[in-house]
Amino acid sequence: MAILGRPNVGKSTLLNALTGEKVSIVTPKPQTTRNRIMGVLEVAARKKVHPAAQILFVDTPGVHKPSSQLDRRMLQEVHEALETRDVVLVLIDASRRVQLEATGEPAQAHQHKSSKWASEDEFLFSLIKGLDCPVFLVLTKIDLVAKDILLPLIETLTKQYNFAEVIPVSARKKDGLELLVRKIVDALPVGERYYPKDQYTDQPTRFMVAELIRERILVETGEEVPYAAAVVIESFEEPPVEEPGKKSPTRLPLTRIAAAIYCERDGQKAILIGKGGAKLKEIGTGARKQIESLLGTRVYLELHVIVEPNWRESRGFVDSLDWRRQLEAMTEGKRERD
């Protein structure tokens, strides 16, 4: 199931609320999500309501018109998610729409191509035209919008596409999530379970660690640096497996991680490092706490910054950031060593 929406619409927040796990990083900055991120929800059977089910949600990068190789790669992630889906959720931020309508222009006026919001909205809707599966309209952040504004918005959007369902939700307050899950289960075809019941994502731990570091960069730095920053895990040394019957140590085991933060200019590197290394220390401290929570171990985290000029326009570099390719490279390297 693919989740589509414009940047900063709350896709990752919704995914985390549905799965009950931190599957995807969340920040106030748009374009936080760069990859397809799968979240797995195990749904218990409810008598006379719905059978047991396993829902595979695929959070996609925010839909926006591409202007760099990185943007094009992100859009490719969206298209690939749409190729393997049974249901599509189109998320619209109800509060953002209200703010735009507050200019006094009628809703239809936003169809004009000179409006940035309208062009991005039309671009989003163009991706779902011709789909042969149920498409749900999910209005997010409804706790910020009055009903007398929400209803006309629904009427306007449903004139643009014949949605199978229209479901207003608030991920923050968990309003509408149970109804959304029930409607999804009704729409999904019968099939076999893909993942074990206790698995909530298909992401490798290394990728999730890299994302947690990037989340801190997004939070700790200004407008320019976050979008020019990429994180690559260089080494990931897990603690040794305890021998059966051996007395457990009094302290948690230690995971050693080294990561490189890539940026495009020397000025961005200076911002990331900060005076006397203060900013890099803040990023590392914040990320380490999140990583320890994820891994359940103590973490020694080593960060350093590398300038890779104009990396967002390098197809080779952008492709190398895909964790699926990283896994393939690691597997190939292991075969060569063996």
Protein backbone atom coordinates (compact mmCIF):
# COMPACT_ATOMS: atom_id res chain seq x y z
CA MET A 1 0.00 0.00 0.00
CA ALA A 2 1.55 3.31 -1.11
CA ILE A 3 1.19 6.52 0.91
CA LEU A 4 1.42 9.64 -1.27
CA GLY A 5 1.41 13.29 -0.37
CA ARG A 6 3.15 16.61 -0.82
CA PRO A 7 6.18 17.39 1.38
CA ASN A 8 5.44 17.99 5.05
CA VAL A 9 1.92 16.58 4.83
CA GLY A 10 2.42 14.20 7.77
CA LYS A 11 2.96 10.89 5.97
CA SER A 12 5.71 9.71 8.31
CA THR A 13 3.75 10.81 11.38
CA LEU A 14 0.74 8.82 10.16
CA LEU A 15 2.87 5.75 9.41
CA ASN A 16 4.42 5.83 12.89
CA ALA A 17 1.00 6.30 14.51
CA LEU A 18 -0.49 3.36 12.57
CA THR A 19 2.36 0.95 13.32
CA GLY A 20 2.99 2.17 16.86
CA GLU A 21 6.73 2.26 16.09
CA LYS A 22 9.23 4.88 14.92
CA VAL A 23 9.50 3.49 11.41
CA SER A 24 10.21 6.82 9.70
CA ILE A 25 11.99 9.93 10.95
CA VAL A 26 9.84 13.03 11.49
CA THR A 27 10.85 16.69 11.42
CA PRO A 28 9.01 19.95 10.65
CA LYS A 29 11.14 20.38 7.51
CA PRO A 30 9.74 19.31 4.13
CA GLN A 31 11.40 16.51 2.14
CA THR A 32 12.50 14.69 5.28
CA THR A 33 11.71 11.32 3.67
CA ARG A 34 14.05 10.42 0.78
CA ASN A 35 13.40 6.70 0.36
CA ARG A 36 10.54 4.25 0.26
CA ILE A 37 10.04 3.18 3.86
CA MET A 38 7.90 0.19 4.72
CA GLY A 39 5.91 -0.13 7.93
CA VAL A 40 4.17 -3.39 8.83
CA LEU A 41 0.92 -3.39 10.80
CA GLU A 42 -0.46 -6.62 12.25
CA VAL A 43 -4.25 -6.31 12.59
CA ALA A 44 -6.09 -8.65 14.93
CA ALA A 45 -9.41 -10.08 13.81
CA ARG A 46 -12.54 -8.34 15.05
CA LYS A 47 -15.70 -10.42 15.02
CA LYS A 48 -18.28 -9.12 12.51
CA VAL A 49 -15.95 -6.20 11.67
CA HIS A 50 -12.91 -7.54 9.79
CA PRO A 51 -10.64 -10.61 9.63
CA ALA A 52 -7.02 -10.68 10.80
CA ALA A 53 -4.70 -8.93 8.38
CA GLN A 54 -1.16 -7.75 7.80
CA ILE A 55 -0.91 -4.33 6.13
CA LEU A 56 2.30 -3.24 4.44
CA PHE A 57 2.42 0.56 4.32
CA VAL A 58 4.99 2.16 2.02
CA ASP A 59 5.81 5.75 2.94
CA THR A 60 7.14 7.61 -0.09
CA PRO A 61 9.11 10.85 -0.43
CA GLY A 62 6.98 13.98 -0.59
CA VAL A 63 5.71 14.55 -4.12
CA HIS A 64 7.28 17.65 -5.64
CA LYS A 65 8.55 18.64 -9.06
CA PRO A 66 12.18 17.44 -9.34
CA SER A 67 14.97 19.99 -9.75
CA SER A 68 18.05 17.84 -8.96
CA GLN A 69 19.26 14.27 -9.41
CA LEU A 70 18.33 13.62 -5.79
CA ASP A 71 14.79 14.92 -6.47
CA ARG A 72 14.53 12.68 -9.52
CA ARG A 73 15.67 9.70 -7.46
CA MET A 74 13.02 10.53 -4.84
CA LEU A 75 10.33 10.71 -7.55
CA GLN A 76 11.53 7.35 -8.87
CA GLU A 77 10.93 5.95 -5.38
CA VAL A 78 7.33 7.18 -5.65
CA HIS A 79 6.81 5.55 -9.05
CA GLU A 80 8.30 2.26 -7.84
CA ALA A 81 5.95 2.26 -4.86
CA LEU A 82 2.98 2.74 -7.21
CA GLU A 83 4.05 -0.27 -9.29
CA THR A 84 3.47 -2.70 -6.40
CA ARG A 85 0.35 -1.60 -4.53
CA ASP A 86 -3.15 -2.82 -3.82
CA VAL A 87 -4.43 0.43 -2.32
CA VAL A 88 -3.11 4.01 -2.49
CA LEU A 89 -3.56 6.62 0.23
CA VAL A 90 -3.41 10.24 -0.96
CA LEU A 91 -2.72 12.52 2.00
CA ILE A 92 -3.80 16.15 1.98
CA ASP A 93 -2.88 18.50 4.83
CA ALA A 94 -6.24 20.03 5.71
CA SER A 95 -4.64 22.84 7.69
CA ARG A 96 -2.39 23.93 4.83
CA ARG A 97 -5.32 24.11 2.44
CA VAL A 98 -7.22 26.31 4.89
CA GLN A 99 -4.30 28.72 5.12
CA LEU A 100 -4.20 29.12 1.35
CA GLU A 101 -7.94 29.63 1.09
CA ALA A 102 -7.64 32.31 3.73
CA THR A 103 -6.35 34.65 1.01
CA GLY A 104 -9.98 35.10 0.01
CA GLU A 105 -9.65 33.37 -3.35
CA PRO A 106 -12.27 30.75 -4.16
CA ALA A 107 -11.07 27.13 -4.15
CA GLN A 108 -11.32 26.93 -7.94
CA ALA A 109 -8.86 29.78 -8.32
CA HIS A 110 -6.12 27.57 -6.94
CA GLN A 111 -6.30 25.51 -10.11
CA HIS A 112 -4.38 28.23 -11.95
CA LYS A 113 -0.93 27.04 -12.96
CA SER A 114 0.76 30.16 -11.66
CA SER A 115 -0.05 29.05 -8.11
CA LYS A 116 2.78 26.98 -6.68
CA TRP A 117 0.39 25.10 -4.41
CA ALA A 118 -1.93 24.30 -7.30
CA SER A 119 0.84 23.08 -9.59
CA GLU A 120 2.21 20.78 -6.88
CA ASP A 121 -1.31 19.58 -6.12
CA GLU A 122 -2.00 18.89 -9.78
CA PHE A 123 1.32 17.07 -10.01
CA LEU A 124 0.27 14.85 -7.10
CA PHE A 125 -3.12 14.14 -8.67
CA SER A 126 -1.50 13.36 -12.03
CA LEU A 127 0.32 10.43 -10.38
CA ILE A 128 -2.91 8.67 -9.43
CA LYS A 129 -4.76 9.14 -12.71
CA GLY A 130 -5.15 5.81 -14.46
CA LEU A 131 -4.48 3.68 -11.36
CA ASP A 132 -6.53 0.48 -11.36
CA CYS A 133 -6.72 0.10 -7.59
CA PRO A 134 -8.76 1.77 -4.82
CA VAL A 135 -7.47 5.24 -3.95
CA PHE A 136 -8.34 6.74 -0.56
CA LEU A 137 -8.30 10.46 0.19
CA VAL A 138 -6.92 10.90 3.71
CA LEU A 139 -7.19 14.39 5.14
CA THR A 140 -4.56 14.87 7.84
CA LYS A 141 -4.25 17.29 10.77
CA ILE A 142 -8.02 17.65 11.08
CA ASP A 143 -7.59 18.62 14.74
CA LEU A 144 -6.36 21.99 13.41
CA VAL A 145 -9.38 22.60 11.15
CA ALA A 146 -13.02 23.49 11.85
CA LYS A 147 -15.70 21.24 10.32
CA ASP A 148 -17.29 24.09 8.37
CA ILE A 149 -13.98 24.47 6.52
CA LEU A 150 -13.24 20.77 6.20
CA LEU A 151 -16.47 19.83 4.41
CA PRO A 152 -16.07 22.30 1.48
CA LEU A 153 -12.46 21.11 1.11
CA ILE A 154 -13.64 17.51 0.81
CA GLU A 155 -16.22 18.56 -1.79
CA THR A 156 -13.58 20.39 -3.83
CA LEU A 157 -11.08 17.52 -3.80
CA THR A 158 -13.62 14.80 -4.57
CA LYS A 159 -14.56 16.69 -7.75
CA GLN A 160 -10.99 16.16 -8.96
CA TYR A 161 -10.88 12.38 -8.43
CA ASN A 162 -13.37 9.60 -7.72
CA PHE A 163 -11.90 8.38 -4.43
CA ALA A 164 -12.96 4.99 -3.07
CA GLU A 165 -13.01 6.42 0.46
CA VAL A 166 -12.60 9.84 2.10
CA ILE A 167 -11.27 9.60 5.65
CA PRO A 168 -10.28 12.59 7.83
CA VAL A 169 -7.65 11.71 10.46
CA SER A 170 -5.48 13.22 13.15
CA ALA A 171 -2.33 11.14 13.69
CA ARG A 172 -1.43 13.25 16.71
CA LYS A 173 -4.74 12.52 18.45
CA LYS A 174 -5.18 9.13 16.75
CA ASP A 175 -8.62 10.21 15.50
CA GLY A 176 -9.91 8.28 12.50
CA LEU A 177 -7.07 5.74 12.49
CA GLU A 178 -9.24 2.77 13.47
CA LEU A 179 -11.72 3.59 10.70
CA LEU A 180 -8.86 3.98 8.22
CA VAL A 181 -7.41 0.57 9.11
CA ARG A 182 -10.85 -1.07 8.85
CA LYS A 183 -11.47 0.42 5.39
CA ILE A 184 -8.00 -0.66 4.23
CA VAL A 185 -8.56 -4.24 5.41
CA ASP A 186 -11.88 -4.27 3.53
CA ALA A 187 -10.15 -3.13 0.34
CA LEU A 188 -7.11 -5.43 0.45
CA PRO A 189 -7.11 -8.75 -1.41
CA VAL A 190 -6.79 -12.02 0.52
CA GLY A 191 -3.19 -13.21 0.65
CA GLU A 192 -0.40 -14.77 2.68
CA ARG A 193 1.49 -13.01 5.47
CA TYR A 194 4.73 -11.47 4.16
CA TYR A 195 6.56 -10.83 7.45
CA PRO A 196 6.69 -12.34 10.96
CA LYS A 197 4.17 -10.90 13.41
CA ASP A 198 6.83 -9.06 15.44
CA GLN A 199 8.50 -7.33 12.46
CA TYR A 200 7.43 -3.72 11.89
CA THR A 201 9.68 -2.67 8.97
CA ASP A 202 11.88 -4.12 6.24
CA GLN A 203 14.62 -1.55 6.79
CA PRO A 204 18.08 -2.78 7.85
CA THR A 205 19.24 -1.48 11.23
CA ARG A 206 22.17 0.34 9.59
CA PHE A 207 19.79 2.39 7.43
CA MET A 208 17.58 3.26 10.40
CA VAL A 209 20.69 4.41 12.30
CA ALA A 210 21.73 6.62 9.35
CA GLU A 211 18.24 8.10 9.25
CA LEU A 212 18.29 8.88 12.98
CA ILE A 213 21.57 10.77 12.48
CA ARG A 214 20.07 12.66 9.54
CA GLU A 215 17.02 13.47 11.66
CA ARG A 216 19.28 15.24 14.18
CA ILE A 217 20.95 17.18 11.35
CA LEU A 218 17.52 18.34 10.17
CA VAL A 219 16.59 19.39 13.70
CA GLU A 220 19.90 20.99 14.71
CA THR A 221 20.78 22.98 11.57
CA GLY A 222 19.18 25.78 9.55
CA GLU A 223 17.44 25.90 6.21
CA GLU A 224 20.32 25.29 3.79
CA VAL A 225 22.37 22.50 5.36
CA PRO A 226 19.73 19.74 5.89
CA TYR A 227 18.93 19.32 2.20
CA ALA A 228 22.63 19.17 1.27
CA ALA A 229 23.41 16.56 3.93
CA ALA A 230 23.58 12.80 3.51
CA VAL A 231 24.66 10.15 6.01
CA VAL A 232 26.56 6.95 5.25
CA ILE A 233 27.37 4.33 7.89
CA GLU A 234 31.02 3.39 7.46
CA SER A 235 31.29 0.76 10.19
CA PHE A 236 28.80 -0.97 12.45
CA GLU A 237 30.35 -3.22 15.09
CA GLU A 238 27.73 -5.12 17.05
CA PRO A 239 28.51 -6.53 20.51
CA PRO A 240 29.44 -10.22 20.65
CA VAL A 241 26.62 -12.70 21.17
CA GLU A 242 26.44 -13.87 24.78
CA GLU A 243 27.25 -17.50 25.42
CA PRO A 244 24.30 -19.60 26.66
CA GLY A 245 24.29 -19.95 30.44
CA LYS A 246 26.90 -17.22 30.92
CA LYS A 247 26.09 -14.63 33.59
CA SER A 248 24.78 -11.42 32.01
CA PRO A 249 27.06 -8.37 32.40
CA THR A 250 25.94 -5.60 34.74
CA ARG A 251 26.20 -3.02 31.94
CA LEU A 252 24.47 -3.14 28.57
CA PRO A 253 26.65 -4.30 25.67
CA LEU A 254 28.29 -1.66 23.45
CA THR A 255 27.67 -1.06 19.73
CA ARG A 256 30.38 0.92 17.91
CA ILE A 257 29.26 2.98 14.92
CA ALA A 258 31.18 5.29 12.62
CA ALA A 259 29.31 7.48 10.13
CA ALA A 260 30.20 10.08 7.53
CA ILE A 261 28.05 13.17 7.02
CA TYR A 262 28.33 14.43 3.45
CA CYS A 263 27.64 18.03 2.46
CA GLU A 264 28.31 20.08 -0.67
CA ARG A 265 30.34 23.11 0.47
CA ASP A 266 33.00 24.09 2.99
CA GLY A 267 30.57 26.59 4.53
CA GLN A 268 28.07 23.82 5.20
CA LYS A 269 30.84 21.71 6.76
CA ALA A 270 31.70 24.58 9.08
CA ILE A 271 28.05 24.84 10.17
CA LEU A 272 27.79 21.10 10.77
CA ILE A 273 30.94 21.06 12.88
CA GLY A 274 30.27 24.32 14.71
CA LYS A 275 32.63 26.33 16.87
CA GLY A 276 35.07 23.98 18.52
CA GLY A 277 33.03 21.00 17.24
CA ALA A 278 30.01 21.98 19.36
CA LYS A 279 27.35 21.46 16.68
CA LEU A 280 28.67 18.05 15.62
CA LYS A 281 28.71 17.04 19.29
CA GLU A 282 25.04 18.12 19.65
CA ILE A 283 24.08 16.11 16.58
CA GLY A 284 25.98 13.07 17.84
CA THR A 285 24.55 13.27 21.36
CA GLY A 286 20.96 13.57 20.16
CA ALA A 287 21.38 10.80 17.60
CA ARG A 288 23.13 8.47 20.05
CA LYS A 289 20.21 8.59 22.48
CA GLN A 290 17.76 7.65 19.71
CA ILE A 291 20.05 4.89 18.42
CA GLU A 292 20.46 3.41 21.90
CA SER A 293 16.67 3.30 22.21
CA LEU A 294 16.47 1.52 18.83
CA LEU A 295 19.22 -1.02 19.49
CA GLY A 296 18.76 -1.60 23.21
CA THR A 297 22.53 -1.27 23.77
CA ARG A 298 24.99 1.42 24.70
CA VAL A 299 26.36 3.17 21.61
CA TYR A 300 29.73 4.69 20.81
CA LEU A 301 29.06 6.99 17.85
CA GLU A 302 31.83 8.59 15.81
CA LEU A 303 30.87 11.24 13.26
CA HIS A 304 32.93 13.15 10.72
CA VAL A 305 32.01 15.52 7.89
CA ILE A 306 33.09 15.19 4.25
CA VAL A 307 32.58 17.77 1.48
CA GLU A 308 31.34 16.14 -1.73
CA PRO A 309 30.73 19.08 -4.12
CA ASN A 310 27.31 19.08 -5.80
CA TRP A 311 26.57 15.50 -4.75
CA ARG A 312 22.82 15.98 -5.27
CA GLU A 313 23.48 16.17 -9.03
CA SER A 314 25.66 13.03 -9.06
CA ARG A 315 23.59 10.06 -10.12
CA GLY A 316 26.25 7.62 -8.94
CA PHE A 317 26.46 9.17 -5.47
CA VAL A 318 22.68 9.50 -5.10
CA ASP A 319 22.20 5.87 -6.12
CA SER A 320 24.84 4.79 -3.59
CA LEU A 321 22.67 6.21 -0.78
CA ASP A 322 19.92 3.65 -1.49
CA TRP A 323 20.10 1.09 1.33
CA ARG A 324 19.05 -1.67 -1.05
CA ARG A 325 22.14 -0.99 -3.17
CA GLN A 326 24.27 -0.75 -0.04
CA LEU A 327 23.05 -4.19 1.03
CA GLU A 328 23.87 -5.62 -2.40
CA ALA A 329 27.37 -4.12 -2.23
CA MET A 330 27.94 -5.50 1.28
CA THR A 331 26.74 -8.95 0.24
CA GLU A 332 28.97 -8.91 -2.83
CA GLY A 333 31.94 -7.80 -0.73
CA LYS A 334 31.32 -10.63 1.73
CA ARG A 335 31.25 -13.16 -1.12
CA GLU A 336 34.59 -11.88 -2.43
CA ARG A 337 36.18 -12.14 1.03
CA ASP A 338 34.85 -15.66 1.48
